[in-house]
Amino acid sequence: MAGFVQIIEYRTSKPEEVRALTEQYRKDREADDDPTPTRAMACADRDEPGRYFTVVEFNSYEEAKKNSERPDTSEFAAKMAELCDGPTKFYNLDLEETMDMS
């Protein structure tokens, strides 16, 4: 199975503002034909309040790279950084297998 997953780890004391920013970014991208993520998940760390992860799945590394190079993605990342309490950490993963467990 081909694919690419990026996990973004961050800390924030402004989770509602992050959600609003993310939702606006998603809405702005809906009508766009350029490659976009196939799925995204926003997660809060149950064991460490204030720590969050966003898991974003793409069809390929190339599509993820193209997405990262977009001006609106750069603008979103800059605004997101302003809402974070410290640096953001990125994990870039080649997707090897998925399993439907239901």
C-alpha atoms as a PDB file:
ATOM      1  CA  MET A   1       0.000   0.000   0.000  1.00  0.00           C
ATOM      2  CA  ALA A   2       1.394   3.374  -0.986  1.00  0.00           C
ATOM      3  CA  GLY A   3       0.775   6.520   0.952  1.00  0.00           C
ATOM      4  CA  PHE A   4       2.259   9.082   3.262  1.00  0.00           C
ATOM      5  CA  VAL A   5       1.319  10.199   6.760  1.00  0.00           C
ATOM      6  CA  GLN A   6       2.470  13.272   8.612  1.00  0.00           C
ATOM      7  CA  ILE A   7       2.015  13.581  12.358  1.00  0.00           C
ATOM      8  CA  ILE A   8       2.266  17.069  13.794  1.00  0.00           C
ATOM      9  CA  GLU A   9       2.856  17.309  17.540  1.00  0.00           C
ATOM     10  CA  TYR A  10       2.269  20.606  19.302  1.00  0.00           C
ATOM     11  CA  ARG A  11       1.323  22.196  22.597  1.00  0.00           C
ATOM     12  CA  THR A  12      -1.203  24.957  22.963  1.00  0.00           C
ATOM     13  CA  SER A  13      -3.241  26.693  25.628  1.00  0.00           C
ATOM     14  CA  LYS A  14      -5.571  27.884  22.842  1.00  0.00           C
ATOM     15  CA  PRO A  15      -7.131  24.682  21.437  1.00  0.00           C
ATOM     16  CA  GLU A  16     -10.387  26.372  20.411  1.00  0.00           C
ATOM     17  CA  GLU A  17      -8.475  28.946  18.364  1.00  0.00           C
ATOM     18  CA  VAL A  18      -6.480  26.142  16.718  1.00  0.00           C
ATOM     19  CA  ARG A  19      -9.736  24.335  15.849  1.00  0.00           C
ATOM     20  CA  ALA A  20     -11.236  27.503  14.362  1.00  0.00           C
ATOM     21  CA  LEU A  21      -8.100  28.186  12.305  1.00  0.00           C
ATOM     22  CA  THR A  22      -8.011  24.590  11.059  1.00  0.00           C
ATOM     23  CA  GLU A  23     -11.700  24.625  10.147  1.00  0.00           C
ATOM     24  CA  GLN A  24     -11.297  27.846   8.162  1.00  0.00           C
ATOM     25  CA  TYR A  25      -8.288  26.397   6.328  1.00  0.00           C
ATOM     26  CA  ARG A  26     -10.295  23.262   5.489  1.00  0.00           C
ATOM     27  CA  LYS A  27     -13.228  25.307   4.189  1.00  0.00           C
ATOM     28  CA  ASP A  28     -10.951  27.479   2.073  1.00  0.00           C
ATOM     29  CA  ARG A  29      -9.432  24.352   0.504  1.00  0.00           C
ATOM     30  CA  GLU A  30     -12.716  22.528  -0.265  1.00  0.00           C
ATOM     31  CA  ALA A  31     -13.165  23.971  -3.751  1.00  0.00           C
ATOM     32  CA  ASP A  32      -9.513  23.534  -4.698  1.00  0.00           C
ATOM     33  CA  ASP A  33      -8.495  20.850  -7.215  1.00  0.00           C
ATOM     34  CA  ASP A  34      -4.880  20.614  -6.061  1.00  0.00           C
ATOM     35  CA  PRO A  35      -3.872  17.533  -4.112  1.00  0.00           C
ATOM     36  CA  THR A  36      -5.181  17.652  -0.595  1.00  0.00           C
ATOM     37  CA  PRO A  37      -4.976  15.268   2.332  1.00  0.00           C
ATOM     38  CA  THR A  38      -7.190  12.217   2.057  1.00  0.00           C
ATOM     39  CA  ARG A  39      -7.863  12.248   5.780  1.00  0.00           C
ATOM     40  CA  ALA A  40      -6.919  14.211   8.874  1.00  0.00           C
ATOM     41  CA  MET A  41      -7.434  13.539  12.557  1.00  0.00           C
ATOM     42  CA  ALA A  42      -7.042  16.001  15.424  1.00  0.00           C
ATOM     43  CA  CYS A  43      -6.114  14.356  18.717  1.00  0.00           C
ATOM     44  CA  ALA A  44      -5.658  15.548  22.298  1.00  0.00           C
ATOM     45  CA  ASP A  45      -3.206  13.725  24.536  1.00  0.00           C
ATOM     46  CA  ARG A  46      -5.232  12.255  27.388  1.00  0.00           C
ATOM     47  CA  ASP A  47      -2.131  11.880  29.570  1.00  0.00           C
ATOM     48  CA  GLU A  48      -0.617  15.324  28.969  1.00  0.00           C
ATOM     49  CA  PRO A  49      -3.179  18.141  28.880  1.00  0.00           C
ATOM     50  CA  GLY A  50      -2.211  20.856  26.412  1.00  0.00           C
ATOM     51  CA  ARG A  51      -0.400  18.426  24.094  1.00  0.00           C
ATOM     52  CA  TYR A  52      -2.014  17.722  20.728  1.00  0.00           C
ATOM     53  CA  PHE A  53      -1.382  15.749  17.563  1.00  0.00           C
ATOM     54  CA  THR A  54      -2.711  16.153  14.056  1.00  0.00           C
ATOM     55  CA  VAL A  55      -2.443  13.100  11.814  1.00  0.00           C
ATOM     56  CA  VAL A  56      -2.697  13.890   8.108  1.00  0.00           C
ATOM     57  CA  GLU A  57      -2.821  11.233   5.388  1.00  0.00           C
ATOM     58  CA  PHE A  58      -1.909  11.805   1.734  1.00  0.00           C
ATOM     59  CA  ASN A  59      -1.935   9.560  -1.315  1.00  0.00           C
ATOM     60  CA  SER A  60       1.826  10.028  -1.696  1.00  0.00           C
ATOM     61  CA  TYR A  61       4.852  11.874  -0.366  1.00  0.00           C
ATOM     62  CA  GLU A  62       4.862  13.925  -3.562  1.00  0.00           C
ATOM     63  CA  GLU A  63       1.298  15.145  -2.936  1.00  0.00           C
ATOM     64  CA  ALA A  64       2.195  16.007   0.653  1.00  0.00           C
ATOM     65  CA  LYS A  65       5.235  17.964  -0.514  1.00  0.00           C
ATOM     66  CA  LYS A  66       3.161  19.835  -3.101  1.00  0.00           C
ATOM     67  CA  ASN A  67       0.615  20.653  -0.386  1.00  0.00           C
ATOM     68  CA  SER A  68       3.375  21.936   1.911  1.00  0.00           C
ATOM     69  CA  GLU A  69       4.687  24.243  -0.816  1.00  0.00           C
ATOM     70  CA  ARG A  70       1.341  26.035  -1.248  1.00  0.00           C
ATOM     71  CA  PRO A  71       1.234  29.663  -0.047  1.00  0.00           C
ATOM     72  CA  ASP A  72      -1.989  29.059   1.881  1.00  0.00           C
ATOM     73  CA  THR A  73      -0.420  26.106   3.690  1.00  0.00           C
ATOM     74  CA  SER A  74       2.578  28.258   4.637  1.00  0.00           C
ATOM     75  CA  GLU A  75       0.233  30.978   5.877  1.00  0.00           C
ATOM     76  CA  PHE A  76      -1.753  28.432   7.907  1.00  0.00           C
ATOM     77  CA  ALA A  77       1.452  27.034   9.440  1.00  0.00           C
ATOM     78  CA  ALA A  78       2.621  30.528  10.440  1.00  0.00           C
ATOM     79  CA  LYS A  79      -0.712  31.324  12.099  1.00  0.00           C
ATOM     80  CA  MET A  80      -0.705  27.941  13.791  1.00  0.00           C
ATOM     81  CA  ALA A  81       2.792  28.567  15.183  1.00  0.00           C
ATOM     82  CA  GLU A  82       1.522  31.769  16.802  1.00  0.00           C
ATOM     83  CA  LEU A  83      -1.078  29.720  18.696  1.00  0.00           C
ATOM     84  CA  CYS A  84       1.416  27.115  19.906  1.00  0.00           C
ATOM     85  CA  ASP A  85       3.222  27.123  23.233  1.00  0.00           C
ATOM     86  CA  GLY A  86       6.626  26.158  21.882  1.00  0.00           C
ATOM     87  CA  PRO A  87       7.981  24.508  18.759  1.00  0.00           C
ATOM     88  CA  THR A  88       6.023  22.113  16.595  1.00  0.00           C
ATOM     89  CA  LYS A  89       7.439  18.664  15.846  1.00  0.00           C
ATOM     90  CA  PHE A  90       6.793  16.827  12.577  1.00  0.00           C
ATOM     91  CA  TYR A  91       6.942  13.080  11.927  1.00  0.00           C
ATOM     92  CA  ASN A  92       7.037  12.090   8.239  1.00  0.00           C
ATOM     93  CA  LEU A  93       6.025   8.489   7.650  1.00  0.00           C
ATOM     94  CA  ASP A  94       5.704   6.254   4.610  1.00  0.00           C
ATOM     95  CA  LEU A  95       2.437   4.378   4.922  1.00  0.00           C
ATOM     96  CA  GLU A  96       3.131   0.665   4.529  1.00  0.00           C
ATOM     97  CA  GLU A  97      -0.166  -0.920   5.519  1.00  0.00           C
ATOM     98  CA  THR A  98      -3.635  -0.112   6.794  1.00  0.00           C
ATOM     99  CA  MET A  99      -6.061  -2.539   8.398  1.00  0.00           C
ATOM    100  CA  ASP A 100      -9.807  -2.190   8.766  1.00  0.00           C
ATOM    101  CA  MET A 101     -10.547  -3.740  12.122  1.00  0.00           C
ATOM    102  CA  SER A 102     -14.324  -3.388  12.088  1.00  0.00           C
END
